[in-house]
């Protein structure tokens, strides 16, 4: 296996890690409107992800940096062609981080309500747009002989990509719902389990259609296995949720995300961005990669840094592993 193939796999792993971790805190952000009934319950939801949401975004930064260094042509075409949706995602992530920090800084109800609204929308919009973006990457876009995107933003809003957006939004919301059931106690935990069933059924329908469409369009035997794992894990997550096994349900919803994203990268390889104008104009792991020397240096850095990041994040989740409920929410002091 060549180093550019290795880095394609590593970038896929980084995106899988990002969607697994950021997926549930996007979902929790959406639940601040769908599940929480009062301010105390909203604080419970926010506190479940408070210690970890910013660490989860490290995976996005690393995935973007790795793409820039390992596949500069892919990075340039992707960020120029998808400029508007990626800018919207960036703005949402900035506002979302500010909302988490500023929400409790003042006691006025309208102040807190406005920041809670911001958390909801800046969780929902990226959860949808990431699916749209990856749907277009897998489906292919208008790339010319100079490896430049020559389509418009409206070309990105095609039925396949929009369905992909609905899948990521519903899947992340389901992932966040089972995470909420895992991390809370009392009435909010019971309601989260009931909501997980409804959201999970919608997710199952959308995901099955999307994955079958992907498999029929450009899949092979390996991607078919990944699709089967994703579907089976989602069904098992629903069953575990109904049985009150929140830990298993969360783990299995995570397996669903891992297998579904892996399927997308399996159907993409060896391309990194297919061209719908001419297959010879597609960006591949070969023509989009950096020099072998650059990839070699990056590989050594990854070998050193990756275990450290994973150990740190694992320690963070261990420290903040306990369940919380409204009884643990103290009155704010200003």
C-alpha atoms as a PDB file:
ATOM      1  CA  UNK A   1       0.000   0.000   0.000  1.00  0.00           C
ATOM      2  CA  UNK A   2       1.363   3.404  -1.012  1.00  0.00           C
ATOM      3  CA  UNK A   3       1.546   6.273   1.466  1.00  0.00           C
ATOM      4  CA  UNK A   4      -1.184   8.213  -0.349  1.00  0.00           C
ATOM      5  CA  UNK A   5      -3.470   5.216   0.151  1.00  0.00           C
ATOM      6  CA  UNK A   6      -2.539   5.124   3.835  1.00  0.00           C
ATOM      7  CA  UNK A   7      -3.399   8.806   4.204  1.00  0.00           C
ATOM      8  CA  UNK A   8      -6.727   8.321   2.468  1.00  0.00           C
ATOM      9  CA  UNK A   9      -7.519   5.711   5.120  1.00  0.00           C
ATOM     10  CA  UNK A  10      -6.269   7.966   7.927  1.00  0.00           C
ATOM     11  CA  UNK A  11      -8.390  10.881   6.737  1.00  0.00           C
ATOM     12  CA  UNK A  12     -11.387   8.547   6.570  1.00  0.00           C
ATOM     13  CA  UNK A  13     -10.661   7.513  10.180  1.00  0.00           C
ATOM     14  CA  UNK A  14     -10.473  11.162  11.257  1.00  0.00           C
ATOM     15  CA  UNK A  15     -13.852  11.936   9.683  1.00  0.00           C
ATOM     16  CA  UNK A  16     -15.342   8.810  11.231  1.00  0.00           C
ATOM     17  CA  UNK A  17     -14.043   9.890  14.631  1.00  0.00           C
ATOM     18  CA  UNK A  18     -15.402  13.397  14.133  1.00  0.00           C
ATOM     19  CA  UNK A  19     -18.883  12.240  13.155  1.00  0.00           C
ATOM     20  CA  UNK A  20     -18.966   9.672  15.968  1.00  0.00           C
ATOM     21  CA  UNK A  21     -18.051  12.257  18.636  1.00  0.00           C
ATOM     22  CA  UNK A  22     -19.411  15.521  17.291  1.00  0.00           C
ATOM     23  CA  UNK A  23     -22.471  13.668  16.040  1.00  0.00           C
ATOM     24  CA  UNK A  24     -23.889  13.092  19.502  1.00  0.00           C
ATOM     25  CA  UNK A  25     -23.216  16.637  20.701  1.00  0.00           C
ATOM     26  CA  UNK A  26     -24.886  18.014  17.563  1.00  0.00           C
ATOM     27  CA  UNK A  27     -27.769  15.727  18.480  1.00  0.00           C
ATOM     28  CA  UNK A  28     -27.867  16.998  22.054  1.00  0.00           C
ATOM     29  CA  UNK A  29     -27.932  20.563  20.726  1.00  0.00           C
ATOM     30  CA  UNK A  30     -30.976  19.700  18.622  1.00  0.00           C
ATOM     31  CA  UNK A  31     -32.603  18.098  21.665  1.00  0.00           C
ATOM     32  CA  UNK A  32     -32.493  21.375  23.598  1.00  0.00           C
ATOM     33  CA  UNK A  33     -35.571  22.253  21.540  1.00  0.00           C
ATOM     34  CA  UNK A  34     -37.092  18.794  21.000  1.00  0.00           C
ATOM     35  CA  UNK A  35     -36.673  17.165  24.419  1.00  0.00           C
ATOM     36  CA  UNK A  36     -36.114  19.756  27.151  1.00  0.00           C
ATOM     37  CA  UNK A  37     -39.281  21.147  28.736  1.00  0.00           C
ATOM     38  CA  UNK A  38     -37.810  23.890  30.905  1.00  0.00           C
ATOM     39  CA  UNK A  39     -34.610  25.802  31.589  1.00  0.00           C
ATOM     40  CA  UNK A  40     -33.312  23.256  34.101  1.00  0.00           C
ATOM     41  CA  UNK A  41     -33.608  20.415  31.584  1.00  0.00           C
ATOM     42  CA  UNK A  42     -31.866  22.496  28.947  1.00  0.00           C
ATOM     43  CA  UNK A  43     -29.019  23.015  31.379  1.00  0.00           C
ATOM     44  CA  UNK A  44     -28.887  19.258  31.995  1.00  0.00           C
ATOM     45  CA  UNK A  45     -28.570  18.601  28.254  1.00  0.00           C
ATOM     46  CA  UNK A  46     -25.916  21.252  27.786  1.00  0.00           C
ATOM     47  CA  UNK A  47     -23.973  19.968  30.796  1.00  0.00           C
ATOM     48  CA  UNK A  48     -23.846  16.436  29.363  1.00  0.00           C
ATOM     49  CA  UNK A  49     -21.652  17.701  26.533  1.00  0.00           C
ATOM     50  CA  UNK A  50     -20.129  20.737  28.255  1.00  0.00           C
ATOM     51  CA  UNK A  51     -16.804  19.077  29.154  1.00  0.00           C
ATOM     52  CA  UNK A  52     -16.299  17.344  25.782  1.00  0.00           C
ATOM     53  CA  UNK A  53     -17.791  19.292  22.864  1.00  0.00           C
ATOM     54  CA  UNK A  54     -14.680  21.386  22.187  1.00  0.00           C
ATOM     55  CA  UNK A  55     -12.421  18.328  22.349  1.00  0.00           C
ATOM     56  CA  UNK A  56     -14.644  16.603  19.792  1.00  0.00           C
ATOM     57  CA  UNK A  57     -13.940  19.401  17.311  1.00  0.00           C
ATOM     58  CA  UNK A  58     -10.224  18.568  17.400  1.00  0.00           C
ATOM     59  CA  UNK A  59     -11.046  15.735  15.009  1.00  0.00           C
ATOM     60  CA  UNK A  60     -12.451  18.205  12.471  1.00  0.00           C
ATOM     61  CA  UNK A  61      -9.386  20.443  12.688  1.00  0.00           C
ATOM     62  CA  UNK A  62      -7.118  17.438  12.291  1.00  0.00           C
ATOM     63  CA  UNK A  63      -9.097  16.088   9.332  1.00  0.00           C
ATOM     64  CA  UNK A  64      -8.951  19.467   7.588  1.00  0.00           C
ATOM     65  CA  UNK A  65      -5.245  19.888   8.296  1.00  0.00           C
ATOM     66  CA  UNK A  66      -4.447  16.362   7.157  1.00  0.00           C
ATOM     67  CA  UNK A  67      -6.362  16.894   3.912  1.00  0.00           C
ATOM     68  CA  UNK A  68      -4.496  20.170   3.278  1.00  0.00           C
ATOM     69  CA  UNK A  69      -1.107  18.542   3.833  1.00  0.00           C
ATOM     70  CA  UNK A  70      -1.668  15.110   2.280  1.00  0.00           C
ATOM     71  CA  UNK A  71      -3.984  16.018  -0.611  1.00  0.00           C
ATOM     72  CA  UNK A  72      -3.584  19.741  -1.425  1.00  0.00           C
ATOM     73  CA  UNK A  73      -5.438  19.458  -4.747  1.00  0.00           C
ATOM     74  CA  UNK A  74      -8.395  17.848  -2.982  1.00  0.00           C
ATOM     75  CA  UNK A  75      -8.344  20.525  -0.292  1.00  0.00           C
ATOM     76  CA  UNK A  76      -8.189  23.369  -2.839  1.00  0.00           C
ATOM     77  CA  UNK A  77     -11.006  22.042  -5.021  1.00  0.00           C
ATOM     78  CA  UNK A  78     -13.178  21.103  -2.055  1.00  0.00           C
ATOM     79  CA  UNK A  79     -12.891  24.408  -0.222  1.00  0.00           C
ATOM     80  CA  UNK A  80     -13.260  26.540  -3.330  1.00  0.00           C
ATOM     81  CA  UNK A  81     -16.204  24.598  -4.734  1.00  0.00           C
ATOM     82  CA  UNK A  82     -17.987  24.116  -1.408  1.00  0.00           C
ATOM     83  CA  UNK A  83     -17.053  27.557  -0.100  1.00  0.00           C
ATOM     84  CA  UNK A  84     -20.537  28.744   0.885  1.00  0.00           C
ATOM     85  CA  UNK A  85     -21.765  25.631   2.769  1.00  0.00           C
ATOM     86  CA  UNK A  86     -18.400  25.224   4.501  1.00  0.00           C
ATOM     87  CA  UNK A  87     -18.452  28.906   5.477  1.00  0.00           C
ATOM     88  CA  UNK A  88     -21.942  28.443   6.948  1.00  0.00           C
ATOM     89  CA  UNK A  89     -20.681  25.436   8.927  1.00  0.00           C
ATOM     90  CA  UNK A  90     -17.697  27.440  10.195  1.00  0.00           C
ATOM     91  CA  UNK A  91     -19.877  30.350  11.298  1.00  0.00           C
ATOM     92  CA  UNK A  92     -22.248  27.928  13.040  1.00  0.00           C
ATOM     93  CA  UNK A  93     -19.386  26.274  14.928  1.00  0.00           C
ATOM     94  CA  UNK A  94     -18.068  29.666  16.051  1.00  0.00           C
ATOM     95  CA  UNK A  95     -21.481  30.886  17.212  1.00  0.00           C
ATOM     96  CA  UNK A  96     -22.154  27.546  18.878  1.00  0.00           C
ATOM     97  CA  UNK A  97     -18.968  27.753  20.919  1.00  0.00           C
ATOM     98  CA  UNK A  98     -19.763  31.320  21.952  1.00  0.00           C
ATOM     99  CA  UNK A  99     -23.307  30.278  22.903  1.00  0.00           C
ATOM    100  CA  UNK A 100     -22.057  27.537  25.236  1.00  0.00           C
ATOM    101  CA  UNK A 101     -19.755  29.996  26.994  1.00  0.00           C
ATOM    102  CA  UNK A 102     -22.012  33.083  27.085  1.00  0.00           C
ATOM    103  CA  UNK A 103     -25.404  31.548  27.796  1.00  0.00           C
ATOM    104  CA  UNK A 104     -25.085  31.632  31.596  1.00  0.00           C
ATOM    105  CA  UNK A 105     -23.155  34.886  31.856  1.00  0.00           C
ATOM    106  CA  UNK A 106     -26.291  36.960  32.479  1.00  0.00           C
ATOM    107  CA  UNK A 107     -29.495  36.107  34.384  1.00  0.00           C
ATOM    108  CA  UNK A 108     -32.041  37.689  32.016  1.00  0.00           C
ATOM    109  CA  UNK A 109     -34.411  35.144  30.511  1.00  0.00           C
ATOM    110  CA  UNK A 110     -34.308  36.626  27.012  1.00  0.00           C
ATOM    111  CA  UNK A 111     -30.476  36.519  27.064  1.00  0.00           C
ATOM    112  CA  UNK A 112     -30.392  32.812  27.927  1.00  0.00           C
ATOM    113  CA  UNK A 113     -33.283  31.973  25.599  1.00  0.00           C
ATOM    114  CA  UNK A 114     -31.529  33.634  22.631  1.00  0.00           C
ATOM    115  CA  UNK A 115     -28.307  31.714  23.231  1.00  0.00           C
ATOM    116  CA  UNK A 116     -30.257  28.466  23.629  1.00  0.00           C
ATOM    117  CA  UNK A 117     -31.921  29.154  20.280  1.00  0.00           C
ATOM    118  CA  UNK A 118     -28.469  29.698  18.807  1.00  0.00           C
ATOM    119  CA  UNK A 119     -27.296  26.338  20.191  1.00  0.00           C
ATOM    120  CA  UNK A 120     -30.256  24.603  18.559  1.00  0.00           C
ATOM    121  CA  UNK A 121     -29.794  26.108  15.086  1.00  0.00           C
ATOM    122  CA  UNK A 122     -25.990  25.926  15.090  1.00  0.00           C
ATOM    123  CA  UNK A 123     -26.259  22.235  15.925  1.00  0.00           C
ATOM    124  CA  UNK A 124     -28.986  21.450  13.394  1.00  0.00           C
ATOM    125  CA  UNK A 125     -27.528  23.308  10.400  1.00  0.00           C
ATOM    126  CA  UNK A 126     -24.032  21.724  10.438  1.00  0.00           C
ATOM    127  CA  UNK A 127     -25.538  18.280  11.096  1.00  0.00           C
ATOM    128  CA  UNK A 128     -27.515  18.703   7.861  1.00  0.00           C
ATOM    129  CA  UNK A 129     -24.814  20.397   5.766  1.00  0.00           C
ATOM    130  CA  UNK A 130     -22.145  17.799   6.503  1.00  0.00           C
ATOM    131  CA  UNK A 131     -24.405  15.194   4.922  1.00  0.00           C
ATOM    132  CA  UNK A 132     -24.974  17.432   1.899  1.00  0.00           C
ATOM    133  CA  UNK A 133     -21.221  17.977   1.526  1.00  0.00           C
ATOM    134  CA  UNK A 134     -20.292  14.306   1.734  1.00  0.00           C
ATOM    135  CA  UNK A 135     -23.183  13.353  -0.511  1.00  0.00           C
ATOM    136  CA  UNK A 136     -21.720  15.594  -3.209  1.00  0.00           C
ATOM    137  CA  UNK A 137     -18.182  14.316  -2.647  1.00  0.00           C
ATOM    138  CA  UNK A 138     -19.326  10.723  -3.177  1.00  0.00           C
ATOM    139  CA  UNK A 139     -21.735  11.480  -6.022  1.00  0.00           C
ATOM    140  CA  UNK A 140     -19.259  13.699  -7.848  1.00  0.00           C
ATOM    141  CA  UNK A 141     -19.319  17.343  -8.878  1.00  0.00           C
ATOM    142  CA  UNK A 142     -18.468  19.440 -11.924  1.00  0.00           C
ATOM    143  CA  UNK A 143     -14.659  19.444 -12.042  1.00  0.00           C
ATOM    144  CA  UNK A 144     -12.839  20.527 -15.194  1.00  0.00           C
ATOM    145  CA  UNK A 145      -9.503  19.478 -16.660  1.00  0.00           C
ATOM    146  CA  UNK A 146      -7.695  21.952 -14.366  1.00  0.00           C
ATOM    147  CA  UNK A 147      -9.208  20.246 -11.303  1.00  0.00           C
ATOM    148  CA  UNK A 148     -11.354  23.294 -10.577  1.00  0.00           C
ATOM    149  CA  UNK A 149     -15.003  23.207  -9.533  1.00  0.00           C
ATOM    150  CA  UNK A 150     -17.056  24.872 -12.289  1.00  0.00           C
ATOM    151  CA  UNK A 151     -20.567  24.289 -10.916  1.00  0.00           C
ATOM    152  CA  UNK A 152     -22.700  26.557  -8.756  1.00  0.00           C
ATOM    153  CA  UNK A 153     -23.949  26.274  -5.203  1.00  0.00           C
ATOM    154  CA  UNK A 154     -27.310  25.163  -6.589  1.00  0.00           C
ATOM    155  CA  UNK A 155     -25.663  22.118  -8.167  1.00  0.00           C
ATOM    156  CA  UNK A 156     -24.806  20.972  -4.653  1.00  0.00           C
ATOM    157  CA  UNK A 157     -28.494  20.896  -3.695  1.00  0.00           C
ATOM    158  CA  UNK A 158     -29.317  17.759  -5.671  1.00  0.00           C
ATOM    159  CA  UNK A 159     -31.706  15.050  -4.386  1.00  0.00           C
ATOM    160  CA  UNK A 160     -28.950  12.600  -3.403  1.00  0.00           C
ATOM    161  CA  UNK A 161     -27.015  15.178  -1.387  1.00  0.00           C
ATOM    162  CA  UNK A 162     -30.151  16.571   0.274  1.00  0.00           C
ATOM    163  CA  UNK A 163     -31.118  13.035   1.300  1.00  0.00           C
ATOM    164  CA  UNK A 164     -27.607  12.640   2.697  1.00  0.00           C
ATOM    165  CA  UNK A 165     -28.182  15.778   4.754  1.00  0.00           C
ATOM    166  CA  UNK A 166     -31.426  14.404   6.168  1.00  0.00           C
ATOM    167  CA  UNK A 167     -29.653  11.145   7.027  1.00  0.00           C
ATOM    168  CA  UNK A 168     -26.833  12.822   8.968  1.00  0.00           C
ATOM    169  CA  UNK A 169     -29.274  15.131  10.739  1.00  0.00           C
ATOM    170  CA  UNK A 170     -31.561  12.299  11.832  1.00  0.00           C
ATOM    171  CA  UNK A 171     -28.674   9.928  12.631  1.00  0.00           C
ATOM    172  CA  UNK A 172     -26.859  12.509  14.749  1.00  0.00           C
ATOM    173  CA  UNK A 173     -30.102  13.349  16.536  1.00  0.00           C
ATOM    174  CA  UNK A 174     -30.669   9.667  17.291  1.00  0.00           C
ATOM    175  CA  UNK A 175     -27.057   9.346  18.445  1.00  0.00           C
ATOM    176  CA  UNK A 176     -27.556  12.353  20.719  1.00  0.00           C
ATOM    177  CA  UNK A 177     -30.814  10.984  22.071  1.00  0.00           C
ATOM    178  CA  UNK A 178     -29.317   7.676  23.167  1.00  0.00           C
ATOM    179  CA  UNK A 179     -26.337   9.587  24.578  1.00  0.00           C
ATOM    180  CA  UNK A 180     -28.773  11.695  26.617  1.00  0.00           C
ATOM    181  CA  UNK A 181     -30.464   8.543  27.924  1.00  0.00           C
ATOM    182  CA  UNK A 182     -27.020   7.208  28.856  1.00  0.00           C
ATOM    183  CA  UNK A 183     -25.909  10.380  30.649  1.00  0.00           C
ATOM    184  CA  UNK A 184     -29.041  11.455  32.537  1.00  0.00           C
ATOM    185  CA  UNK A 185     -31.339  10.262  35.304  1.00  0.00           C
ATOM    186  CA  UNK A 186     -34.977  10.770  36.101  1.00  0.00           C
ATOM    187  CA  UNK A 187     -37.791  11.833  33.817  1.00  0.00           C
ATOM    188  CA  UNK A 188     -35.558  13.289  31.109  1.00  0.00           C
ATOM    189  CA  UNK A 189     -33.868   9.906  30.732  1.00  0.00           C
ATOM    190  CA  UNK A 190     -37.219   8.146  30.252  1.00  0.00           C
ATOM    191  CA  UNK A 191     -38.387  10.697  27.688  1.00  0.00           C
ATOM    192  CA  UNK A 192     -35.076  10.435  25.844  1.00  0.00           C
ATOM    193  CA  UNK A 193     -35.562   6.687  25.443  1.00  0.00           C
ATOM    194  CA  UNK A 194     -39.066   7.188  24.046  1.00  0.00           C
ATOM    195  CA  UNK A 195     -37.891   9.889  21.656  1.00  0.00           C
ATOM    196  CA  UNK A 196     -34.965   7.693  20.559  1.00  0.00           C
ATOM    197  CA  UNK A 197     -37.411   5.095  19.269  1.00  0.00           C
ATOM    198  CA  UNK A 198     -39.291   7.607  17.117  1.00  0.00           C
ATOM    199  CA  UNK A 199     -36.165   9.305  15.805  1.00  0.00           C
ATOM    200  CA  UNK A 200     -34.478   5.954  15.235  1.00  0.00           C
ATOM    201  CA  UNK A 201     -37.324   4.640  13.075  1.00  0.00           C
ATOM    202  CA  UNK A 202     -37.205   7.751  10.871  1.00  0.00           C
ATOM    203  CA  UNK A 203     -33.420   7.438  10.686  1.00  0.00           C
ATOM    204  CA  UNK A 204     -33.653   3.774   9.678  1.00  0.00           C
ATOM    205  CA  UNK A 205     -35.917   4.555   6.720  1.00  0.00           C
ATOM    206  CA  UNK A 206     -33.833   7.500   5.486  1.00  0.00           C
ATOM    207  CA  UNK A 207     -30.522   5.715   5.984  1.00  0.00           C
ATOM    208  CA  UNK A 208     -31.673   2.557   4.216  1.00  0.00           C
ATOM    209  CA  UNK A 209     -32.792   4.508   1.138  1.00  0.00           C
ATOM    210  CA  UNK A 210     -29.573   6.553   1.064  1.00  0.00           C
ATOM    211  CA  UNK A 211     -27.237   3.593   1.534  1.00  0.00           C
ATOM    212  CA  UNK A 212     -29.072   1.486  -1.047  1.00  0.00           C
ATOM    213  CA  UNK A 213     -28.853   4.394  -3.505  1.00  0.00           C
ATOM    214  CA  UNK A 214     -25.125   4.702  -2.815  1.00  0.00           C
ATOM    215  CA  UNK A 215     -24.568   0.965  -3.197  1.00  0.00           C
ATOM    216  CA  UNK A 216     -26.530   0.785  -6.450  1.00  0.00           C
ATOM    217  CA  UNK A 217     -24.702   3.773  -7.911  1.00  0.00           C
ATOM    218  CA  UNK A 218     -21.062   2.940  -7.165  1.00  0.00           C
ATOM    219  CA  UNK A 219     -20.848   0.186  -4.564  1.00  0.00           C
ATOM    220  CA  UNK A 220     -19.000  -3.134  -4.555  1.00  0.00           C
ATOM    221  CA  UNK A 221     -18.792  -6.161  -2.287  1.00  0.00           C
ATOM    222  CA  UNK A 222     -16.812  -4.377   0.431  1.00  0.00           C
ATOM    223  CA  UNK A 223     -19.192  -1.440   0.605  1.00  0.00           C
ATOM    224  CA  UNK A 224     -22.107  -3.868   0.720  1.00  0.00           C
ATOM    225  CA  UNK A 225     -20.632  -5.432   3.875  1.00  0.00           C
ATOM    226  CA  UNK A 226     -20.240  -1.975   5.435  1.00  0.00           C
ATOM    227  CA  UNK A 227     -23.841  -1.144   4.549  1.00  0.00           C
ATOM    228  CA  UNK A 228     -25.084  -4.386   6.111  1.00  0.00           C
ATOM    229  CA  UNK A 229     -23.146  -3.625   9.301  1.00  0.00           C
ATOM    230  CA  UNK A 230     -24.599  -0.103   9.452  1.00  0.00           C
ATOM    231  CA  UNK A 231     -28.178  -1.282   9.013  1.00  0.00           C
ATOM    232  CA  UNK A 232     -27.800  -4.178  11.472  1.00  0.00           C
ATOM    233  CA  UNK A 233     -26.187  -1.923  14.082  1.00  0.00           C
ATOM    234  CA  UNK A 234     -28.978   0.644  13.795  1.00  0.00           C
ATOM    235  CA  UNK A 235     -31.648  -2.028  14.275  1.00  0.00           C
ATOM    236  CA  UNK A 236     -29.716  -3.444  17.242  1.00  0.00           C
ATOM    237  CA  UNK A 237     -29.371   0.060  18.730  1.00  0.00           C
ATOM    238  CA  UNK A 238     -33.145   0.473  18.604  1.00  0.00           C
ATOM    239  CA  UNK A 239     -33.627  -2.905  20.264  1.00  0.00           C
ATOM    240  CA  UNK A 240     -31.091  -2.089  22.998  1.00  0.00           C
ATOM    241  CA  UNK A 241     -32.800   1.231  23.623  1.00  0.00           C
ATOM    242  CA  UNK A 242     -36.158  -0.495  24.055  1.00  0.00           C
ATOM    243  CA  UNK A 243     -34.541  -2.923  26.501  1.00  0.00           C
ATOM    244  CA  UNK A 244     -33.171  -0.052  28.575  1.00  0.00           C
ATOM    245  CA  UNK A 245     -29.541  -0.850  27.720  1.00  0.00           C
ATOM    246  CA  UNK A 246     -28.418   2.707  27.027  1.00  0.00           C
ATOM    247  CA  UNK A 247     -24.717   1.868  26.922  1.00  0.00           C
ATOM    248  CA  UNK A 248     -25.212  -0.764  24.246  1.00  0.00           C
ATOM    249  CA  UNK A 249     -27.611   1.478  22.342  1.00  0.00           C
ATOM    250  CA  UNK A 250     -25.076   4.316  22.252  1.00  0.00           C
ATOM    251  CA  UNK A 251     -22.244   1.996  21.219  1.00  0.00           C
ATOM    252  CA  UNK A 252     -24.358   0.481  18.442  1.00  0.00           C
ATOM    253  CA  UNK A 253     -25.514   3.872  17.151  1.00  0.00           C
ATOM    254  CA  UNK A 254     -21.817   4.744  17.028  1.00  0.00           C
ATOM    255  CA  UNK A 255     -21.136   1.577  15.023  1.00  0.00           C
ATOM    256  CA  UNK A 256     -23.858   2.711  12.615  1.00  0.00           C
ATOM    257  CA  UNK A 257     -22.052   6.004  12.040  1.00  0.00           C
ATOM    258  CA  UNK A 258     -18.675   4.280  11.689  1.00  0.00           C
ATOM    259  CA  UNK A 259     -19.952   1.742   9.159  1.00  0.00           C
ATOM    260  CA  UNK A 260     -22.002   4.258   7.143  1.00  0.00           C
ATOM    261  CA  UNK A 261     -19.123   6.736   6.804  1.00  0.00           C
ATOM    262  CA  UNK A 262     -16.724   3.887   6.037  1.00  0.00           C
ATOM    263  CA  UNK A 263     -19.079   2.801   3.259  1.00  0.00           C
ATOM    264  CA  UNK A 264     -18.959   6.279   1.715  1.00  0.00           C
ATOM    265  CA  UNK A 265     -15.154   6.275   1.680  1.00  0.00           C
ATOM    266  CA  UNK A 266     -15.078   2.719   0.309  1.00  0.00           C
ATOM    267  CA  UNK A 267     -17.312   3.717  -2.601  1.00  0.00           C
ATOM    268  CA  UNK A 268     -15.175   6.838  -3.161  1.00  0.00           C
ATOM    269  CA  UNK A 269     -11.722   5.181  -3.329  1.00  0.00           C
ATOM    270  CA  UNK A 270      -9.479   5.606  -5.328  1.00  0.00           C
ATOM    271  CA  UNK A 271     -11.144   8.912  -6.135  1.00  0.00           C
ATOM    272  CA  UNK A 272     -11.230  11.724  -3.609  1.00  0.00           C
ATOM    273  CA  UNK A 273     -13.566  13.926  -5.682  1.00  0.00           C
ATOM    274  CA  UNK A 274     -15.089  12.382  -8.815  1.00  0.00           C
ATOM    275  CA  UNK A 275     -15.817  14.632 -11.786  1.00  0.00           C
ATOM    276  CA  UNK A 276     -19.267  14.373 -13.346  1.00  0.00           C
ATOM    277  CA  UNK A 277     -17.980  16.055 -16.514  1.00  0.00           C
ATOM    278  CA  UNK A 278     -15.266  13.552 -17.403  1.00  0.00           C
ATOM    279  CA  UNK A 279     -13.957  10.624 -15.366  1.00  0.00           C
ATOM    280  CA  UNK A 280     -10.404  11.503 -16.442  1.00  0.00           C
ATOM    281  CA  UNK A 281     -10.778  14.855 -14.666  1.00  0.00           C
ATOM    282  CA  UNK A 282     -11.542  13.243 -11.313  1.00  0.00           C
ATOM    283  CA  UNK A 283      -9.274  13.909  -8.357  1.00  0.00           C
ATOM    284  CA  UNK A 284      -7.710  10.675  -7.140  1.00  0.00           C
ATOM    285  CA  UNK A 285      -5.391   9.641  -4.325  1.00  0.00           C
ATOM    286  CA  UNK A 286      -2.585   9.730  -6.904  1.00  0.00           C
ATOM    287  CA  UNK A 287      -3.034  13.030  -8.728  1.00  0.00           C
ATOM    288  CA  UNK A 288      -4.218  14.982  -5.659  1.00  0.00           C
ATOM    289  CA  UNK A 289      -1.544  13.892  -3.176  1.00  0.00           C
ATOM    290  CA  UNK A 290       1.559  15.598  -1.842  1.00  0.00           C
ATOM    291  CA  UNK A 291       5.082  14.334  -2.484  1.00  0.00           C
ATOM    292  CA  UNK A 292       6.153  11.012  -0.953  1.00  0.00           C
ATOM    293  CA  UNK A 293       8.601  12.854   1.324  1.00  0.00           C
ATOM    294  CA  UNK A 294       5.820  15.059   2.731  1.00  0.00           C
ATOM    295  CA  UNK A 295       3.617  12.049   3.339  1.00  0.00           C
ATOM    296  CA  UNK A 296       6.493  10.243   5.061  1.00  0.00           C
ATOM    297  CA  UNK A 297       7.080  13.139   7.493  1.00  0.00           C
ATOM    298  CA  UNK A 298       3.331  13.373   8.164  1.00  0.00           C
ATOM    299  CA  UNK A 299       3.156   9.650   8.891  1.00  0.00           C
ATOM    300  CA  UNK A 300       5.808   9.889  11.609  1.00  0.00           C
ATOM    301  CA  UNK A 301       4.044  12.891  13.161  1.00  0.00           C
ATOM    302  CA  UNK A 302       0.740  11.017  13.126  1.00  0.00           C
ATOM    303  CA  UNK A 303       2.316   7.973  14.800  1.00  0.00           C
ATOM    304  CA  UNK A 304       3.514  10.187  17.663  1.00  0.00           C
ATOM    305  CA  UNK A 305       0.574  12.574  18.083  1.00  0.00           C
ATOM    306  CA  UNK A 306      -2.481  10.387  17.489  1.00  0.00           C
ATOM    307  CA  UNK A 307      -2.110   8.124  20.570  1.00  0.00           C
ATOM    308  CA  UNK A 308      -1.603  11.191  22.782  1.00  0.00           C
ATOM    309  CA  UNK A 309      -4.807  12.831  21.540  1.00  0.00           C
ATOM    310  CA  UNK A 310      -6.799   9.627  21.982  1.00  0.00           C
ATOM    311  CA  UNK A 311      -5.456   9.083  25.507  1.00  0.00           C
ATOM    312  CA  UNK A 312      -6.344  12.639  26.476  1.00  0.00           C
ATOM    313  CA  UNK A 313      -9.871  12.379  25.105  1.00  0.00           C
ATOM    314  CA  UNK A 314     -10.391   8.988  26.710  1.00  0.00           C
ATOM    315  CA  UNK A 315      -9.320  10.419  30.071  1.00  0.00           C
ATOM    316  CA  UNK A 316     -11.751  13.337  29.647  1.00  0.00           C
ATOM    317  CA  UNK A 317     -14.702  11.032  29.028  1.00  0.00           C
ATOM    318  CA  UNK A 318     -13.702   8.873  31.994  1.00  0.00           C
ATOM    319  CA  UNK A 319     -13.548  11.847  34.376  1.00  0.00           C
ATOM    320  CA  UNK A 320     -16.993  13.104  33.299  1.00  0.00           C
ATOM    321  CA  UNK A 321     -18.651   9.696  33.042  1.00  0.00           C
ATOM    322  CA  UNK A 322     -21.358  10.084  35.712  1.00  0.00           C
ATOM    323  CA  UNK A 323     -25.042  10.650  34.984  1.00  0.00           C
ATOM    324  CA  UNK A 324     -26.673  13.970  35.836  1.00  0.00           C
ATOM    325  CA  UNK A 325     -30.228  15.211  36.348  1.00  0.00           C
ATOM    326  CA  UNK A 326     -32.103  18.352  37.271  1.00  0.00           C
ATOM    327  CA  UNK A 327     -31.293  17.720  40.952  1.00  0.00           C
ATOM    328  CA  UNK A 328     -27.634  18.307  40.134  1.00  0.00           C
ATOM    329  CA  UNK A 329     -28.245  21.735  38.601  1.00  0.00           C
ATOM    330  CA  UNK A 330     -27.377  24.502  41.045  1.00  0.00           C
ATOM    331  CA  UNK A 331     -29.020  27.911  40.979  1.00  0.00           C
ATOM    332  CA  UNK A 332     -26.914  30.282  38.842  1.00  0.00           C
ATOM    333  CA  UNK A 333     -24.859  32.897  40.637  1.00  0.00           C
ATOM    334  CA  UNK A 334     -24.164  36.178  38.814  1.00  0.00           C
END
